[in-house]
């Protein structure tokens, strides 16, 4: 896995604005638990690319792994909005279910 990360890192160094490489590298870091790297890469990716929703789910999950529930909820909500705008209702529903089942506030 580290070899793939190194290859993606070299590719990104050669072309820092390549959003496909950013996303690919983020997915590799996700596989090895590099959650802060996932966040850094995907925040940059989302500032530079038109994503259809997938990156928001990956990013929200990374926030959850680092116990940043507030940012995870915010990111899932944005992912719902973006995925619906791009005609991906099943992705939006997946994010809604995660919000409702895993991230809803417990009753007081």
N, C-alpha and C. Protein backbone atom coordinates (compact mmCIF):
# COMPACT_ATOMS: atom_id res chain seq x y z
N UNK A 1 0.83 -1.19 0.00
CA UNK A 1 0.00 0.00 0.00
C UNK A 1 0.87 1.25 0.00
N UNK A 2 1.96 1.20 0.74
CA UNK A 2 2.85 2.35 0.81
C UNK A 2 3.42 2.70 -0.56
N UNK A 3 3.69 1.68 -1.39
CA UNK A 3 4.19 1.93 -2.73
C UNK A 3 3.20 2.74 -3.55
N UNK A 4 1.90 2.42 -3.43
CA UNK A 4 0.87 3.16 -4.16
C UNK A 4 0.82 4.61 -3.67
N UNK A 5 0.94 4.80 -2.38
CA UNK A 5 0.95 6.16 -1.83
C UNK A 5 2.14 6.93 -2.38
N UNK A 6 3.29 6.30 -2.40
CA UNK A 6 4.49 6.96 -2.92
C UNK A 6 4.32 7.36 -4.38
N UNK A 7 3.72 6.47 -5.17
CA UNK A 7 3.50 6.77 -6.59
C UNK A 7 2.55 7.97 -6.73
N UNK A 8 1.45 7.95 -5.98
CA UNK A 8 0.52 9.07 -6.03
C UNK A 8 1.17 10.36 -5.54
N UNK A 9 1.98 10.27 -4.49
CA UNK A 9 2.68 11.46 -3.98
C UNK A 9 3.59 12.04 -5.06
N UNK A 10 4.31 11.18 -5.77
CA UNK A 10 5.19 11.64 -6.85
C UNK A 10 4.38 12.28 -7.98
N UNK A 11 3.28 11.66 -8.32
CA UNK A 11 2.42 12.21 -9.36
C UNK A 11 1.87 13.59 -8.97
N UNK A 12 1.47 13.72 -7.71
CA UNK A 12 0.94 14.99 -7.23
C UNK A 12 2.03 16.05 -7.17
N UNK A 13 3.24 15.66 -6.79
CA UNK A 13 4.37 16.60 -6.77
C UNK A 13 4.66 17.12 -8.17
N UNK A 14 4.51 16.25 -9.17
CA UNK A 14 4.76 16.64 -10.56
C UNK A 14 3.64 17.52 -11.11
N UNK A 15 2.43 17.36 -10.59
CA UNK A 15 1.28 18.13 -11.07
C UNK A 15 0.34 18.42 -9.89
N UNK A 16 0.69 19.42 -9.07
CA UNK A 16 -0.07 19.69 -7.83
C UNK A 16 -1.54 20.05 -8.03
N UNK A 17 -1.92 20.42 -9.23
CA UNK A 17 -3.32 20.78 -9.46
C UNK A 17 -4.15 19.63 -10.03
N UNK A 18 -3.57 18.44 -10.13
CA UNK A 18 -4.27 17.29 -10.69
C UNK A 18 -5.25 16.74 -9.66
N UNK A 19 -6.52 17.09 -9.84
CA UNK A 19 -7.53 16.70 -8.85
C UNK A 19 -7.80 15.20 -8.84
N UNK A 20 -7.63 14.54 -9.98
CA UNK A 20 -7.82 13.08 -10.00
C UNK A 20 -6.76 12.40 -9.12
N UNK A 21 -5.54 12.89 -9.17
CA UNK A 21 -4.47 12.33 -8.35
C UNK A 21 -4.73 12.64 -6.87
N UNK A 22 -5.21 13.86 -6.57
CA UNK A 22 -5.54 14.22 -5.18
C UNK A 22 -6.55 13.23 -4.61
N UNK A 23 -7.61 12.98 -5.39
CA UNK A 23 -8.65 12.08 -4.92
C UNK A 23 -8.12 10.66 -4.75
N UNK A 24 -7.34 10.21 -5.72
CA UNK A 24 -6.75 8.87 -5.64
C UNK A 24 -5.84 8.72 -4.44
N UNK A 25 -5.03 9.73 -4.17
CA UNK A 25 -4.14 9.70 -3.02
C UNK A 25 -4.94 9.69 -1.72
N UNK A 26 -6.00 10.48 -1.68
CA UNK A 26 -6.86 10.49 -0.48
C UNK A 26 -7.44 9.11 -0.22
N UNK A 27 -7.89 8.43 -1.28
CA UNK A 27 -8.44 7.08 -1.12
C UNK A 27 -7.38 6.10 -0.62
N UNK A 28 -6.14 6.26 -1.06
CA UNK A 28 -5.06 5.39 -0.57
C UNK A 28 -4.79 5.65 0.91
N UNK A 29 -4.77 6.91 1.30
CA UNK A 29 -4.58 7.23 2.72
C UNK A 29 -5.74 6.72 3.56
N UNK A 30 -6.95 6.75 3.01
CA UNK A 30 -8.11 6.22 3.71
C UNK A 30 -7.91 4.74 4.05
N UNK A 31 -7.35 4.00 3.11
CA UNK A 31 -7.13 2.57 3.31
C UNK A 31 -6.17 2.26 4.45
N UNK A 32 -5.21 3.17 4.70
CA UNK A 32 -4.21 2.92 5.75
C UNK A 32 -4.48 3.72 7.01
N UNK A 33 -5.65 4.37 7.09
CA UNK A 33 -6.01 5.11 8.29
C UNK A 33 -5.35 6.46 8.43
N UNK A 34 -4.92 7.04 7.33
CA UNK A 34 -4.31 8.38 7.36
C UNK A 34 -5.37 9.46 7.27
N UNK A 35 -6.21 9.54 8.30
CA UNK A 35 -7.41 10.38 8.24
C UNK A 35 -7.11 11.87 8.09
N UNK A 36 -6.09 12.37 8.75
CA UNK A 36 -5.78 13.79 8.60
C UNK A 36 -5.31 14.09 7.18
N UNK A 37 -4.56 13.18 6.59
CA UNK A 37 -4.13 13.36 5.20
C UNK A 37 -5.34 13.32 4.26
N UNK A 38 -6.29 12.46 4.54
CA UNK A 38 -7.52 12.40 3.74
C UNK A 38 -8.22 13.75 3.80
N UNK A 39 -8.34 14.29 5.00
CA UNK A 39 -9.00 15.59 5.17
C UNK A 39 -8.26 16.68 4.41
N UNK A 40 -6.96 16.75 4.59
CA UNK A 40 -6.18 17.78 3.92
C UNK A 40 -6.31 17.69 2.40
N UNK A 41 -6.18 16.49 1.88
CA UNK A 41 -6.26 16.29 0.43
C UNK A 41 -7.65 16.59 -0.11
N UNK A 42 -8.68 16.12 0.57
CA UNK A 42 -10.03 16.31 0.05
C UNK A 42 -10.52 17.74 0.22
N UNK A 43 -10.09 18.42 1.26
CA UNK A 43 -10.45 19.84 1.37
C UNK A 43 -9.85 20.60 0.19
N UNK A 44 -8.62 20.30 -0.15
CA UNK A 44 -7.97 20.92 -1.29
C UNK A 44 -8.66 20.51 -2.60
N UNK A 45 -8.96 19.23 -2.71
CA UNK A 45 -9.65 18.71 -3.89
C UNK A 45 -10.99 19.42 -4.10
N UNK A 46 -11.79 19.52 -3.03
CA UNK A 46 -13.11 20.12 -3.16
C UNK A 46 -13.04 21.62 -3.46
N UNK A 47 -11.96 22.26 -3.08
CA UNK A 47 -11.76 23.67 -3.41
C UNK A 47 -11.37 23.84 -4.87
N UNK A 48 -10.92 22.76 -5.51
CA UNK A 48 -10.38 22.83 -6.86
C UNK A 48 -11.21 22.09 -7.91
N UNK A 49 -12.09 21.20 -7.51
CA UNK A 49 -12.76 20.32 -8.46
C UNK A 49 -14.27 20.34 -8.27
N UNK A 50 -14.96 19.98 -9.31
CA UNK A 50 -16.42 19.80 -9.27
C UNK A 50 -16.68 18.34 -8.94
N UNK A 51 -17.01 18.07 -7.69
CA UNK A 51 -17.27 16.69 -7.27
C UNK A 51 -18.77 16.44 -7.31
N UNK A 52 -19.15 15.21 -7.57
CA UNK A 52 -20.56 14.86 -7.65
C UNK A 52 -21.11 14.28 -6.35
N UNK A 53 -20.30 14.22 -5.32
CA UNK A 53 -20.79 13.79 -4.02
C UNK A 53 -19.93 12.79 -3.30
N UNK A 54 -19.21 11.95 -4.02
CA UNK A 54 -18.44 10.87 -3.40
C UNK A 54 -17.40 11.39 -2.41
N UNK A 55 -16.70 12.44 -2.78
CA UNK A 55 -15.64 12.95 -1.91
C UNK A 55 -16.19 13.42 -0.57
N UNK A 56 -17.42 13.90 -0.56
CA UNK A 56 -18.01 14.38 0.69
C UNK A 56 -18.20 13.24 1.69
N UNK A 57 -18.60 12.08 1.20
CA UNK A 57 -18.75 10.92 2.08
C UNK A 57 -17.42 10.46 2.64
N UNK A 58 -16.41 10.43 1.81
CA UNK A 58 -15.06 10.03 2.26
C UNK A 58 -14.55 11.04 3.28
N UNK A 59 -14.74 12.32 2.98
CA UNK A 59 -14.28 13.38 3.89
C UNK A 59 -15.03 13.33 5.22
N UNK A 60 -16.33 13.17 5.17
CA UNK A 60 -17.12 13.10 6.40
C UNK A 60 -16.68 11.92 7.26
N UNK A 61 -16.42 10.79 6.64
CA UNK A 61 -15.96 9.62 7.38
C UNK A 61 -14.61 9.89 8.04
N UNK A 62 -13.72 10.59 7.35
CA UNK A 62 -12.41 10.93 7.94
C UNK A 62 -12.60 11.83 9.15
N UNK A 63 -13.51 12.79 9.05
CA UNK A 63 -13.79 13.64 10.22
C UNK A 63 -14.30 12.80 11.39
N UNK A 64 -15.18 11.85 11.09
CA UNK A 64 -15.69 10.97 12.16
C UNK A 64 -14.57 10.18 12.81
N UNK A 65 -13.67 9.66 12.00
CA UNK A 65 -12.56 8.87 12.54
C UNK A 65 -11.68 9.70 13.48
N UNK A 66 -11.66 11.02 13.27
CA UNK A 66 -10.88 11.90 14.15
C UNK A 66 -11.76 12.58 15.19
N UNK A 67 -12.97 12.01 15.40
CA UNK A 67 -13.91 12.48 16.41
C UNK A 67 -14.36 13.93 16.23
N UNK A 68 -14.44 14.37 14.98
CA UNK A 68 -14.95 15.70 14.70
C UNK A 68 -16.37 15.55 14.14
N UNK A 69 -17.29 15.27 15.05
CA UNK A 69 -18.68 14.99 14.68
C UNK A 69 -19.33 16.17 13.96
N UNK A 70 -19.08 17.37 14.45
CA UNK A 70 -19.69 18.57 13.88
C UNK A 70 -19.32 18.74 12.40
N UNK A 71 -18.04 18.59 12.09
CA UNK A 71 -17.60 18.71 10.69
C UNK A 71 -18.13 17.55 9.85
N UNK A 72 -18.23 16.37 10.44
CA UNK A 72 -18.78 15.22 9.71
C UNK A 72 -20.22 15.49 9.31
N UNK A 73 -21.02 15.97 10.24
CA UNK A 73 -22.43 16.26 9.96
C UNK A 73 -22.53 17.33 8.87
N UNK A 74 -21.77 18.39 9.02
CA UNK A 74 -21.76 19.47 8.04
C UNK A 74 -21.37 18.95 6.65
N UNK A 75 -20.39 18.08 6.60
CA UNK A 75 -19.90 17.54 5.33
C UNK A 75 -20.92 16.59 4.70
N UNK A 76 -21.55 15.74 5.51
CA UNK A 76 -22.59 14.87 4.97
C UNK A 76 -23.74 15.70 4.40
N UNK A 77 -24.14 16.76 5.09
CA UNK A 77 -25.23 17.61 4.60
C UNK A 77 -24.86 18.24 3.26
N UNK A 78 -23.64 18.71 3.14
CA UNK A 78 -23.18 19.27 1.86
C UNK A 78 -23.16 18.18 0.79
N UNK A 79 -22.74 16.99 1.17
CA UNK A 79 -22.73 15.86 0.24
C UNK A 79 -24.11 15.51 -0.27
N UNK A 80 -25.12 15.61 0.58
CA UNK A 80 -26.51 15.36 0.16
C UNK A 80 -26.91 16.38 -0.89
N UNK A 81 -26.62 17.63 -0.61
CA UNK A 81 -26.96 18.72 -1.53
C UNK A 81 -26.27 18.53 -2.89
N UNK A 82 -24.99 18.25 -2.87
CA UNK A 82 -24.22 18.10 -4.11
C UNK A 82 -24.64 16.85 -4.88
N UNK A 83 -24.80 15.73 -4.19
CA UNK A 83 -25.16 14.50 -4.89
C UNK A 83 -26.56 14.61 -5.52
N UNK A 84 -27.48 15.28 -4.86
CA UNK A 84 -28.80 15.49 -5.45
C UNK A 84 -28.70 16.40 -6.68
N UNK A 85 -27.89 17.43 -6.58
CA UNK A 85 -27.73 18.36 -7.71
C UNK A 85 -27.14 17.66 -8.93
N UNK A 86 -26.40 16.60 -8.71
CA UNK A 86 -25.78 15.86 -9.81
C UNK A 86 -26.53 14.58 -10.17
N UNK A 87 -27.74 14.43 -9.64
CA UNK A 87 -28.57 13.29 -10.01
C UNK A 87 -28.15 11.98 -9.40
N UNK A 88 -27.68 12.02 -8.15
CA UNK A 88 -27.28 10.80 -7.45
C UNK A 88 -28.11 10.63 -6.17
N UNK A 89 -29.42 10.36 -6.31
CA UNK A 89 -30.27 10.27 -5.12
C UNK A 89 -29.90 9.12 -4.19
N UNK A 90 -29.38 8.03 -4.72
CA UNK A 90 -29.03 6.91 -3.83
C UNK A 90 -27.86 7.29 -2.93
N UNK A 91 -26.92 8.06 -3.45
CA UNK A 91 -25.80 8.54 -2.63
C UNK A 91 -26.33 9.49 -1.55
N UNK A 92 -27.23 10.38 -1.94
CA UNK A 92 -27.82 11.31 -0.98
C UNK A 92 -28.56 10.54 0.12
N UNK A 93 -29.30 9.51 -0.28
CA UNK A 93 -30.03 8.71 0.71
C UNK A 93 -29.08 7.99 1.66
N UNK A 94 -27.97 7.51 1.14
CA UNK A 94 -26.97 6.86 2.00
C UNK A 94 -26.46 7.84 3.05
N UNK A 95 -26.17 9.07 2.63
CA UNK A 95 -25.68 10.08 3.56
C UNK A 95 -26.77 10.45 4.58
N UNK A 96 -28.02 10.55 4.12
CA UNK A 96 -29.14 10.85 5.03
C UNK A 96 -29.27 9.75 6.09
N UNK A 97 -29.18 8.50 5.65
CA UNK A 97 -29.29 7.38 6.59
C UNK A 97 -28.17 7.43 7.62
N UNK A 98 -26.97 7.76 7.18
CA UNK A 98 -25.85 7.87 8.12
C UNK A 98 -26.13 8.96 9.14
N UNK A 99 -26.63 10.09 8.67
CA UNK A 99 -26.96 11.18 9.59
C UNK A 99 -28.04 10.76 10.59
N UNK A 100 -29.08 10.11 10.09
CA UNK A 100 -30.20 9.73 10.94
C UNK A 100 -29.86 8.60 11.91
N UNK A 101 -29.14 7.61 11.43
CA UNK A 101 -28.89 6.42 12.24
C UNK A 101 -27.64 6.54 13.12
N UNK A 102 -26.60 7.17 12.59
CA UNK A 102 -25.33 7.18 13.30
C UNK A 102 -25.00 8.52 13.96
N UNK A 103 -25.57 9.59 13.45
CA UNK A 103 -25.14 10.90 13.93
C UNK A 103 -26.27 11.75 14.49
N UNK A 104 -27.47 11.19 14.64
CA UNK A 104 -28.54 11.98 15.21
C UNK A 104 -28.30 12.17 16.70
N UNK A 105 -28.80 13.28 17.19
CA UNK A 105 -28.65 13.57 18.61
C UNK A 105 -29.52 12.61 19.42
N UNK A 106 -28.97 12.01 20.47
CA UNK A 106 -29.80 11.15 21.31
C UNK A 106 -30.84 11.99 22.07
N UNK A 107 -32.02 11.41 22.33
CA UNK A 107 -33.03 12.18 23.08
C UNK A 107 -32.53 12.52 24.48
N UNK A 108 -32.93 13.69 24.93
CA UNK A 108 -32.46 14.16 26.24
C UNK A 108 -33.24 13.52 27.36
